[in-house]
Amino acid sequence: MKITEKDVEYVARLARLELTGEEKVKFTGQLESILSYIDKLNAIDTKNVPPTSHALSLKNVWREDKLELCPENVRETMLSNAPEREDDFFRVKKVIE
């Protein structure tokens, strides 16, 4: 498909873009290249190709959740790093007044 500078000006106007003469020439070539590639793709027979949403098959790669208890010393180690502590909890300043 042949793209002209007039086509580029029309698209630029729709997109509310101001283009210089140099940009119009540059974008004319680029758009023509893109559309010629699309023409090549349209020429390919895809009748026997099933529609897909992704090129590769997808599967869930997450592991199953399992409950695991941590050793007792882990809790004490974490709480020992707290600036303030109350029983088995971190003590923090009141956030909402």
PDB file of N, CA and C in Angstrom:
ATOM      1  N   MET A   1       0.845  -1.177   0.000  1.00  0.00           N
ATOM      2  CA  MET A   1       0.000   0.000   0.000  1.00  0.00           C
ATOM      3  C   MET A   1       0.888   1.236   0.000  1.00  0.00           C
ATOM      4  N   LYS A   2       0.585   2.154  -0.842  1.00  0.00           N
ATOM      5  CA  LYS A   2       1.372   3.374  -0.972  1.00  0.00           C
ATOM      6  C   LYS A   2       0.859   4.434   0.008  1.00  0.00           C
ATOM      7  N   ILE A   3       1.749   4.926   0.845  1.00  0.00           N
ATOM      8  CA  ILE A   3       1.428   5.979   1.811  1.00  0.00           C
ATOM      9  C   ILE A   3       2.005   7.287   1.292  1.00  0.00           C
ATOM     10  N   THR A   4       1.213   8.335   1.350  1.00  0.00           N
ATOM     11  CA  THR A   4       1.672   9.651   0.911  1.00  0.00           C
ATOM     12  C   THR A   4       1.825  10.569   2.119  1.00  0.00           C
ATOM     13  N   GLU A   5       2.470  11.684   1.903  1.00  0.00           N
ATOM     14  CA  GLU A   5       2.613  12.662   2.982  1.00  0.00           C
ATOM     15  C   GLU A   5       1.251  13.196   3.398  1.00  0.00           C
ATOM     16  N   LYS A   6       0.320  13.228   2.456  1.00  0.00           N
ATOM     17  CA  LYS A   6      -1.032  13.681   2.776  1.00  0.00           C
ATOM     18  C   LYS A   6      -1.678  12.728   3.792  1.00  0.00           C
ATOM     19  N   ASP A   7      -1.429  11.410   3.636  1.00  0.00           N
ATOM     20  CA  ASP A   7      -1.943  10.434   4.598  1.00  0.00           C
ATOM     21  C   ASP A   7      -1.328  10.661   5.973  1.00  0.00           C
ATOM     22  N   VAL A   8      -0.031  10.923   6.002  1.00  0.00           N
ATOM     23  CA  VAL A   8       0.662  11.174   7.269  1.00  0.00           C
ATOM     24  C   VAL A   8       0.121  12.447   7.916  1.00  0.00           C
ATOM     25  N   GLU A   9      -0.119  13.482   7.138  1.00  0.00           N
ATOM     26  CA  GLU A   9      -0.683  14.721   7.669  1.00  0.00           C
ATOM     27  C   GLU A   9      -2.064  14.472   8.266  1.00  0.00           C
ATOM     28  N   TYR A  10      -2.861  13.632   7.589  1.00  0.00           N
ATOM     29  CA  TYR A  10      -4.205  13.318   8.077  1.00  0.00           C
ATOM     30  C   TYR A  10      -4.138  12.595   9.420  1.00  0.00           C
ATOM     31  N   VAL A  11      -3.272  11.599   9.523  1.00  0.00           N
ATOM     32  CA  VAL A  11      -3.116  10.856  10.770  1.00  0.00           C
ATOM     33  C   VAL A  11      -2.578  11.775  11.868  1.00  0.00           C
ATOM     34  N   ALA A  12      -1.639  12.634  11.527  1.00  0.00           N
ATOM     35  CA  ALA A  12      -1.083  13.575  12.508  1.00  0.00           C
ATOM     36  C   ALA A  12      -2.158  14.527  13.008  1.00  0.00           C
ATOM     37  N   ARG A  13      -3.024  14.954  12.122  1.00  0.00           N
ATOM     38  CA  ARG A  13      -4.110  15.864  12.523  1.00  0.00           C
ATOM     39  C   ARG A  13      -5.061  15.138  13.475  1.00  0.00           C
ATOM     40  N   LEU A  14      -5.388  13.880  13.178  1.00  0.00           N
ATOM     41  CA  LEU A  14      -6.263  13.104  14.063  1.00  0.00           C
ATOM     42  C   LEU A  14      -5.634  12.911  15.440  1.00  0.00           C
ATOM     43  N   ALA A  15      -4.307  12.753  15.458  1.00  0.00           N
ATOM     44  CA  ALA A  15      -3.585  12.550  16.716  1.00  0.00           C
ATOM     45  C   ALA A  15      -3.196  13.868  17.377  1.00  0.00           C
ATOM     46  N   ARG A  16      -3.589  14.971  16.756  1.00  0.00           N
ATOM     47  CA  ARG A  16      -3.267  16.322  17.269  1.00  0.00           C
ATOM     48  C   ARG A  16      -1.760  16.526  17.397  1.00  0.00           C
ATOM     49  N   LEU A  17      -1.030  16.106  16.356  1.00  0.00           N
ATOM     50  CA  LEU A  17       0.418  16.263  16.319  1.00  0.00           C
ATOM     51  C   LEU A  17       0.802  17.288  15.276  1.00  0.00           C
ATOM     52  N   GLU A  18       1.796  18.074  15.596  1.00  0.00           N
ATOM     53  CA  GLU A  18       2.374  18.997  14.621  1.00  0.00           C
ATOM     54  C   GLU A  18       3.689  18.389  14.149  1.00  0.00           C
ATOM     55  N   LEU A  19       3.774  18.129  12.848  1.00  0.00           N
ATOM     56  CA  LEU A  19       4.978  17.516  12.302  1.00  0.00           C
ATOM     57  C   LEU A  19       5.694  18.494  11.382  1.00  0.00           C
ATOM     58  N   THR A  20       7.015  18.428  11.413  1.00  0.00           N
ATOM     59  CA  THR A  20       7.812  19.219  10.478  1.00  0.00           C
ATOM     60  C   THR A  20       7.830  18.495   9.140  1.00  0.00           C
ATOM     61  N   GLY A  21       8.282  19.146   8.115  1.00  0.00           N
ATOM     62  CA  GLY A  21       8.392  18.523   6.799  1.00  0.00           C
ATOM     63  C   GLY A  21       9.308  17.310   6.826  1.00  0.00           C
ATOM     64  N   GLU A  22      10.386  17.418   7.574  1.00  0.00           N
ATOM     65  CA  GLU A  22      11.342  16.307   7.710  1.00  0.00           C
ATOM     66  C   GLU A  22      10.691  15.106   8.389  1.00  0.00           C
ATOM     67  N   GLU A  23       9.886  15.363   9.436  1.00  0.00           N
ATOM     68  CA  GLU A  23       9.203  14.281  10.138  1.00  0.00           C
ATOM     69  C   GLU A  23       8.159  13.615   9.233  1.00  0.00           C
ATOM     70  N   LYS A  24       7.480  14.412   8.423  1.00  0.00           N
ATOM     71  CA  LYS A  24       6.476  13.852   7.512  1.00  0.00           C
ATOM     72  C   LYS A  24       7.123  12.877   6.536  1.00  0.00           C
ATOM     73  N   VAL A  25       8.289  13.248   5.989  1.00  0.00           N
ATOM     74  CA  VAL A  25       8.998  12.375   5.060  1.00  0.00           C
ATOM     75  C   VAL A  25       9.436  11.093   5.782  1.00  0.00           C
ATOM     76  N   LYS A  26       9.977  11.251   7.000  1.00  0.00           N
ATOM     77  CA  LYS A  26      10.459  10.108   7.779  1.00  0.00           C
ATOM     78  C   LYS A  26       9.308   9.150   8.096  1.00  0.00           C
ATOM     79  N   PHE A  27       8.185   9.690   8.581  1.00  0.00           N
ATOM     80  CA  PHE A  27       7.052   8.847   8.968  1.00  0.00           C
ATOM     81  C   PHE A  27       6.359   8.234   7.760  1.00  0.00           C
ATOM     82  N   THR A  28       6.400   8.906   6.627  1.00  0.00           N
ATOM     83  CA  THR A  28       5.826   8.333   5.415  1.00  0.00           C
ATOM     84  C   THR A  28       6.542   7.042   5.064  1.00  0.00           C
ATOM     85  N   GLY A  29       7.861   7.068   5.081  1.00  0.00           N
ATOM     86  CA  GLY A  29       8.648   5.866   4.801  1.00  0.00           C
ATOM     87  C   GLY A  29       8.410   4.775   5.822  1.00  0.00           C
ATOM     88  N   GLN A  30       8.368   5.148   7.096  1.00  0.00           N
ATOM     89  CA  GLN A  30       8.174   4.158   8.153  1.00  0.00           C
ATOM     90  C   GLN A  30       6.797   3.504   8.062  1.00  0.00           C
ATOM     91  N   LEU A  31       5.762   4.310   7.850  1.00  0.00           N
ATOM     92  CA  LEU A  31       4.414   3.742   7.745  1.00  0.00           C
ATOM     93  C   LEU A  31       4.269   2.856   6.517  1.00  0.00           C
ATOM     94  N   GLU A  32       4.883   3.259   5.432  1.00  0.00           N
ATOM     95  CA  GLU A  32       4.832   2.447   4.219  1.00  0.00           C
ATOM     96  C   GLU A  32       5.522   1.100   4.451  1.00  0.00           C
ATOM     97  N   SER A  33       6.634   1.112   5.161  1.00  0.00           N
ATOM     98  CA  SER A  33       7.354  -0.115   5.475  1.00  0.00           C
ATOM     99  C   SER A  33       6.512  -1.031   6.357  1.00  0.00           C
ATOM    100  N   ILE A  34       5.857  -0.459   7.342  1.00  0.00           N
ATOM    101  CA  ILE A  34       5.011  -1.248   8.248  1.00  0.00           C
ATOM    102  C   ILE A  34       3.854  -1.876   7.478  1.00  0.00           C
ATOM    103  N   LEU A  35       3.182  -1.094   6.651  1.00  0.00           N
ATOM    104  CA  LEU A  35       2.031  -1.603   5.916  1.00  0.00           C
ATOM    105  C   LEU A  35       2.431  -2.636   4.862  1.00  0.00           C
ATOM    106  N   SER A  36       3.613  -2.491   4.270  1.00  0.00           N
ATOM    107  CA  SER A  36       4.052  -3.504   3.306  1.00  0.00           C
ATOM    108  C   SER A  36       4.348  -4.824   4.020  1.00  0.00           C
ATOM    109  N   TYR A  37       4.843  -4.759   5.255  1.00  0.00           N
ATOM    110  CA  TYR A  37       5.072  -5.974   6.032  1.00  0.00           C
ATOM    111  C   TYR A  37       3.738  -6.634   6.382  1.00  0.00           C
ATOM    112  N   ILE A  38       2.741  -5.837   6.721  1.00  0.00           N
ATOM    113  CA  ILE A  38       1.412  -6.373   7.015  1.00  0.00           C
ATOM    114  C   ILE A  38       0.831  -7.041   5.777  1.00  0.00           C
ATOM    115  N   ASP A  39       1.067  -6.483   4.602  1.00  0.00           N
ATOM    116  CA  ASP A  39       0.613  -7.116   3.355  1.00  0.00           C
ATOM    117  C   ASP A  39       1.254  -8.493   3.183  1.00  0.00           C
ATOM    118  N   LYS A  40       2.540  -8.621   3.544  1.00  0.00           N
ATOM    119  CA  LYS A  40       3.215  -9.921   3.468  1.00  0.00           C
ATOM    120  C   LYS A  40       2.547 -10.914   4.417  1.00  0.00           C
ATOM    121  N   LEU A  41       2.214 -10.462   5.612  1.00  0.00           N
ATOM    122  CA  LEU A  41       1.558 -11.338   6.579  1.00  0.00           C
ATOM    123  C   LEU A  41       0.172 -11.746   6.102  1.00  0.00           C
ATOM    124  N   ASN A  42      -0.532 -10.839   5.477  1.00  0.00           N
ATOM    125  CA  ASN A  42      -1.867 -11.155   4.970  1.00  0.00           C
ATOM    126  C   ASN A  42      -1.820 -12.165   3.826  1.00  0.00           C
ATOM    127  N   ALA A  43      -0.709 -12.257   3.153  1.00  0.00           N
ATOM    128  CA  ALA A  43      -0.576 -13.180   2.031  1.00  0.00           C
ATOM    129  C   ALA A  43      -0.383 -14.631   2.489  1.00  0.00           C
ATOM    130  N   ILE A  44      -0.065 -14.830   3.756  1.00  0.00           N
ATOM    131  CA  ILE A  44       0.183 -16.165   4.281  1.00  0.00           C
ATOM    132  C   ILE A  44      -1.141 -16.882   4.528  1.00  0.00           C
ATOM    133  N   ASP A  45      -1.208 -18.177   4.130  1.00  0.00           N
ATOM    134  CA  ASP A  45      -2.403 -18.983   4.334  1.00  0.00           C
ATOM    135  C   ASP A  45      -2.451 -19.450   5.795  1.00  0.00           C
ATOM    136  N   THR A  46      -3.451 -18.995   6.534  1.00  0.00           N
ATOM    137  CA  THR A  46      -3.583 -19.360   7.949  1.00  0.00           C
ATOM    138  C   THR A  46      -4.882 -20.112   8.227  1.00  0.00           C
ATOM    139  N   LYS A  47      -5.462 -20.737   7.210  1.00  0.00           N
ATOM    140  CA  LYS A  47      -6.739 -21.434   7.387  1.00  0.00           C
ATOM    141  C   LYS A  47      -6.641 -22.570   8.400  1.00  0.00           C
ATOM    142  N   ASN A  48      -5.534 -23.303   8.408  1.00  0.00           N
ATOM    143  CA  ASN A  48      -5.387 -24.456   9.298  1.00  0.00           C
ATOM    144  C   ASN A  48      -4.671 -24.131  10.607  1.00  0.00           C
ATOM    145  N   VAL A  49      -4.493 -22.856  10.886  1.00  0.00           N
ATOM    146  CA  VAL A  49      -3.831 -22.451  12.125  1.00  0.00           C
ATOM    147  C   VAL A  49      -4.905 -22.041  13.126  1.00  0.00           C
ATOM    148  N   PRO A  50      -4.980 -22.733  14.267  1.00  0.00           N
ATOM    149  CA  PRO A  50      -6.012 -22.383  15.250  1.00  0.00           C
ATOM    150  C   PRO A  50      -5.712 -21.022  15.894  1.00  0.00           C
ATOM    151  N   PRO A  51      -6.759 -20.270  16.214  1.00  0.00           N
ATOM    152  CA  PRO A  51      -6.538 -18.980  16.874  1.00  0.00           C
ATOM    153  C   PRO A  51      -5.951 -19.191  18.270  1.00  0.00           C
ATOM    154  N   THR A  52      -4.996 -18.378  18.629  1.00  0.00           N
ATOM    155  CA  THR A  52      -4.358 -18.492  19.939  1.00  0.00           C
ATOM    156  C   THR A  52      -4.242 -17.116  20.570  1.00  0.00           C
ATOM    157  N   SER A  53      -4.168 -17.105  21.865  1.00  0.00           N
ATOM    158  CA  SER A  53      -3.955 -15.840  22.569  1.00  0.00           C
ATOM    159  C   SER A  53      -2.519 -15.711  23.038  1.00  0.00           C
ATOM    160  N   HIS A  54      -1.772 -16.826  22.940  1.00  0.00           N
ATOM    161  CA  HIS A  54      -0.379 -16.822  23.370  1.00  0.00           C
ATOM    162  C   HIS A  54       0.382 -17.827  22.521  1.00  0.00           C
ATOM    163  N   ALA A  55       1.591 -17.504  22.188  1.00  0.00           N
ATOM    164  CA  ALA A  55       2.375 -18.372  21.308  1.00  0.00           C
ATOM    165  C   ALA A  55       2.750 -19.694  21.968  1.00  0.00           C
ATOM    166  N   LEU A  56       2.934 -19.688  23.275  1.00  0.00           N
ATOM    167  CA  LEU A  56       3.304 -20.896  24.006  1.00  0.00           C
ATOM    168  C   LEU A  56       2.157 -21.319  24.905  1.00  0.00           C
ATOM    169  N   SER A  57       2.042 -22.610  25.146  1.00  0.00           N
ATOM    170  CA  SER A  57       0.995 -23.058  26.066  1.00  0.00           C
ATOM    171  C   SER A  57       1.360 -22.622  27.478  1.00  0.00           C
ATOM    172  N   LEU A  58       0.359 -22.184  28.194  1.00  0.00           N
ATOM    173  CA  LEU A  58       0.588 -21.701  29.552  1.00  0.00           C
ATOM    174  C   LEU A  58       0.133 -22.745  30.561  1.00  0.00           C
ATOM    175  N   LYS A  59       0.848 -22.833  31.650  1.00  0.00           N
ATOM    176  CA  LYS A  59       0.429 -23.720  32.729  1.00  0.00           C
ATOM    177  C   LYS A  59       0.775 -23.052  34.043  1.00  0.00           C
ATOM    178  N   ASN A  60       0.075 -23.450  35.072  1.00  0.00           N
ATOM    179  CA  ASN A  60       0.313 -22.904  36.391  1.00  0.00           C
ATOM    180  C   ASN A  60       1.619 -23.476  36.937  1.00  0.00           C
ATOM    181  N   VAL A  61       2.552 -22.612  37.264  1.00  0.00           N
ATOM    182  CA  VAL A  61       3.852 -23.073  37.757  1.00  0.00           C
ATOM    183  C   VAL A  61       3.985 -22.868  39.267  1.00  0.00           C
ATOM    184  N   TRP A  62       2.896 -22.521  39.910  1.00  0.00           N
ATOM    185  CA  TRP A  62       2.960 -22.303  41.346  1.00  0.00           C
ATOM    186  C   TRP A  62       2.943 -23.639  42.077  1.00  0.00           C
ATOM    187  N   ARG A  63       3.590 -23.660  43.189  1.00  0.00           N
ATOM    188  CA  ARG A  63       3.574 -24.868  44.003  1.00  0.00           C
ATOM    189  C   ARG A  63       2.319 -24.866  44.868  1.00  0.00           C
ATOM    190  N   GLU A  64       1.983 -26.003  45.360  1.00  0.00           N
ATOM    191  CA  GLU A  64       0.827 -26.125  46.236  1.00  0.00           C
ATOM    192  C   GLU A  64       1.186 -25.552  47.607  1.00  0.00           C
ATOM    193  N   ASP A  65       0.258 -24.843  48.237  1.00  0.00           N
ATOM    194  CA  ASP A  65       0.509 -24.289  49.562  1.00  0.00           C
ATOM    195  C   ASP A  65       0.556 -25.401  50.602  1.00  0.00           C
ATOM    196  N   LYS A  66       1.564 -25.343  51.445  1.00  0.00           N
ATOM    197  CA  LYS A  66       1.699 -26.321  52.524  1.00  0.00           C
ATOM    198  C   LYS A  66       1.996 -25.565  53.809  1.00  0.00           C
ATOM    199  N   LEU A  67       1.353 -25.980  54.866  1.00  0.00           N
ATOM    200  CA  LEU A  67       1.583 -25.386  56.167  1.00  0.00           C
ATOM    201  C   LEU A  67       2.841 -25.996  56.770  1.00  0.00           C
ATOM    202  N   GLU A  68       3.804 -25.139  57.090  1.00  0.00           N
ATOM    203  CA  GLU A  68       5.032 -25.601  57.721  1.00  0.00           C
ATOM    204  C   GLU A  68       5.301 -24.732  58.943  1.00  0.00           C
ATOM    205  N   LEU A  69       5.504 -25.355  60.050  1.00  0.00           N
ATOM    206  CA  LEU A  69       5.786 -24.612  61.268  1.00  0.00           C
ATOM    207  C   LEU A  69       7.262 -24.262  61.315  1.00  0.00           C
ATOM    208  N   CYS A  70       7.552 -23.073  61.794  1.00  0.00           N
ATOM    209  CA  CYS A  70       8.954 -22.691  61.910  1.00  0.00           C
ATOM    210  C   CYS A  70       9.462 -23.080  63.300  1.00  0.00           C
ATOM    211  N   PRO A  71      10.723 -23.282  63.427  1.00  0.00           N
ATOM    212  CA  PRO A  71      11.290 -23.647  64.736  1.00  0.00           C
ATOM    213  C   PRO A  71      11.059 -22.532  65.760  1.00  0.00           C
ATOM    214  N   GLU A  72      10.985 -22.899  67.002  1.00  0.00           N
ATOM    215  CA  GLU A  72      10.723 -21.942  68.080  1.00  0.00           C
ATOM    216  C   GLU A  72      11.774 -20.832  68.136  1.00  0.00           C
ATOM    217  N   ASN A  73      13.017 -21.160  67.889  1.00  0.00           N
ATOM    218  CA  ASN A  73      14.070 -20.152  68.028  1.00  0.00           C
ATOM    219  C   ASN A  73      13.968 -19.055  66.961  1.00  0.00           C
ATOM    220  N   VAL A  74      13.255 -19.309  65.859  1.00  0.00           N
ATOM    221  CA  VAL A  74      13.097 -18.297  64.811  1.00  0.00           C
ATOM    222  C   VAL A  74      12.270 -17.130  65.332  1.00  0.00           C
ATOM    223  N   ARG A  75      11.169 -17.428  66.034  1.00  0.00           N
ATOM    224  CA  ARG A  75      10.330 -16.366  66.588  1.00  0.00           C
ATOM    225  C   ARG A  75      11.133 -15.509  67.566  1.00  0.00           C
ATOM    226  N   GLU A  76      11.849 -16.155  68.429  1.00  0.00           N
ATOM    227  CA  GLU A  76      12.634 -15.409  69.425  1.00  0.00           C
ATOM    228  C   GLU A  76      13.727 -14.584  68.751  1.00  0.00           C
ATOM    229  N   THR A  77      14.347 -15.104  67.715  1.00  0.00           N
ATOM    230  CA  THR A  77      15.387 -14.369  66.987  1.00  0.00           C
ATOM    231  C   THR A  77      14.798 -13.121  66.332  1.00  0.00           C
ATOM    232  N   MET A  78      13.625 -13.257  65.698  1.00  0.00           N
ATOM    233  CA  MET A  78      12.996 -12.100  65.050  1.00  0.00           C
ATOM    234  C   MET A  78      12.590 -11.059  66.081  1.00  0.00           C
ATOM    235  N   LEU A  79      11.977 -11.491  67.173  1.00  0.00           N
ATOM    236  CA  LEU A  79      11.529 -10.538  68.181  1.00  0.00           C
ATOM    237  C   LEU A  79      12.694  -9.883  68.910  1.00  0.00           C
ATOM    238  N   SER A  80      13.841 -10.521  68.940  1.00  0.00           N
ATOM    239  CA  SER A  80      15.003  -9.918  69.599  1.00  0.00           C
ATOM    240  C   SER A  80      15.523  -8.709  68.830  1.00  0.00           C
ATOM    241  N   ASN A  81      15.175  -8.597  67.540  1.00  0.00           N
ATOM    242  CA  ASN A  81      15.584  -7.451  66.735  1.00  0.00           C
ATOM    243  C   ASN A  81      14.631  -6.270  66.841  1.00  0.00           C
ATOM    244  N   ALA A  82      13.510  -6.446  67.502  1.00  0.00           N
ATOM    245  CA  ALA A  82      12.504  -5.380  67.599  1.00  0.00           C
ATOM    246  C   ALA A  82      12.988  -4.287  68.540  1.00  0.00           C
ATOM    247  N   PRO A  83      12.776  -3.005  68.169  1.00  0.00           N
ATOM    248  CA  PRO A  83      13.151  -1.924  69.074  1.00  0.00           C
ATOM    249  C   PRO A  83      12.323  -1.971  70.361  1.00  0.00           C
ATOM    250  N   GLU A  84      11.031  -2.301  70.217  1.00  0.00           N
ATOM    251  CA  GLU A  84      10.168  -2.478  71.388  1.00  0.00           C
ATOM    252  C   GLU A  84       9.356  -3.739  71.200  1.00  0.00           C
ATOM    253  N   ARG A  85       9.083  -4.396  72.305  1.00  0.00           N
ATOM    254  CA  ARG A  85       8.405  -5.689  72.232  1.00  0.00           C
ATOM    255  C   ARG A  85       7.406  -5.794  73.365  1.00  0.00           C
ATOM    256  N   GLU A  86       6.285  -6.459  73.068  1.00  0.00           N
ATOM    257  CA  GLU A  86       5.299  -6.726  74.109  1.00  0.00           C
ATOM    258  C   GLU A  86       4.872  -8.185  73.972  1.00  0.00           C
ATOM    259  N   ASP A  87       5.253  -9.006  74.890  1.00  0.00           N
ATOM    260  CA  ASP A  87       5.036 -10.464  74.856  1.00  0.00           C
ATOM    261  C   ASP A  87       5.629 -11.026  73.564  1.00  0.00           C
ATOM    262  N   ASP A  88       4.806 -11.638  72.718  1.00  0.00           N
ATOM    263  CA  ASP A  88       5.305 -12.220  71.470  1.00  0.00           C
ATOM    264  C   ASP A  88       4.992 -11.340  70.260  1.00  0.00           C
ATOM    265  N   PHE A  89       4.922 -10.036  70.462  1.00  0.00           N
ATOM    266  CA  PHE A  89       4.544  -9.115  69.383  1.00  0.00           C
ATOM    267  C   PHE A  89       5.525  -7.940  69.305  1.00  0.00           C
ATOM    268  N   PHE A  90       5.600  -7.325  68.133  1.00  0.00           N
ATOM    269  CA  PHE A  90       6.332  -6.076  67.976  1.00  0.00           C
ATOM    270  C   PHE A  90       5.442  -4.952  68.508  1.00  0.00           C
ATOM    271  N   ARG A  91       6.017  -4.064  69.252  1.00  0.00           N
ATOM    272  CA  ARG A  91       5.257  -2.915  69.737  1.00  0.00           C
ATOM    273  C   ARG A  91       5.593  -1.745  68.818  1.00  0.00           C
ATOM    274  N   VAL A  92       4.543  -1.109  68.253  1.00  0.00           N
ATOM    275  CA  VAL A  92       4.739   0.008  67.326  1.00  0.00           C
ATOM    276  C   VAL A  92       3.928   1.199  67.809  1.00  0.00           C
ATOM    277  N   LYS A  93       4.297   2.366  67.293  1.00  0.00           N
ATOM    278  CA  LYS A  93       3.576   3.570  67.667  1.00  0.00           C
ATOM    279  C   LYS A  93       2.215   3.589  67.025  1.00  0.00           C
ATOM    280  N   LYS A  94       1.286   4.256  67.667  1.00  0.00           N
ATOM    281  CA  LYS A  94      -0.064   4.384  67.169  1.00  0.00           C
ATOM    282  C   LYS A  94      -0.036   5.175  65.865  1.00  0.00           C
ATOM    283  N   VAL A  95      -0.695   4.669  64.838  1.00  0.00           N
ATOM    284  CA  VAL A  95      -0.683   5.315  63.528  1.00  0.00           C
ATOM    285  C   VAL A  95      -1.904   6.202  63.347  1.00  0.00           C
ATOM    286  N   ILE A  96      -3.057   5.736  63.745  1.00  0.00           N
ATOM    287  CA  ILE A  96      -4.300   6.497  63.577  1.00  0.00           C
ATOM    288  C   ILE A  96      -4.665   7.142  64.896  1.00  0.00           C
ATOM    289  N   GLU A  97      -4.984   8.409  64.859  1.00  0.00           N
ATOM    290  CA  GLU A  97      -5.352   9.118  66.097  1.00  0.00           C
ATOM    291  C   GLU A  97      -6.842   9.293  66.190  1.00  0.00           C
TER     292      GLU A  97
END
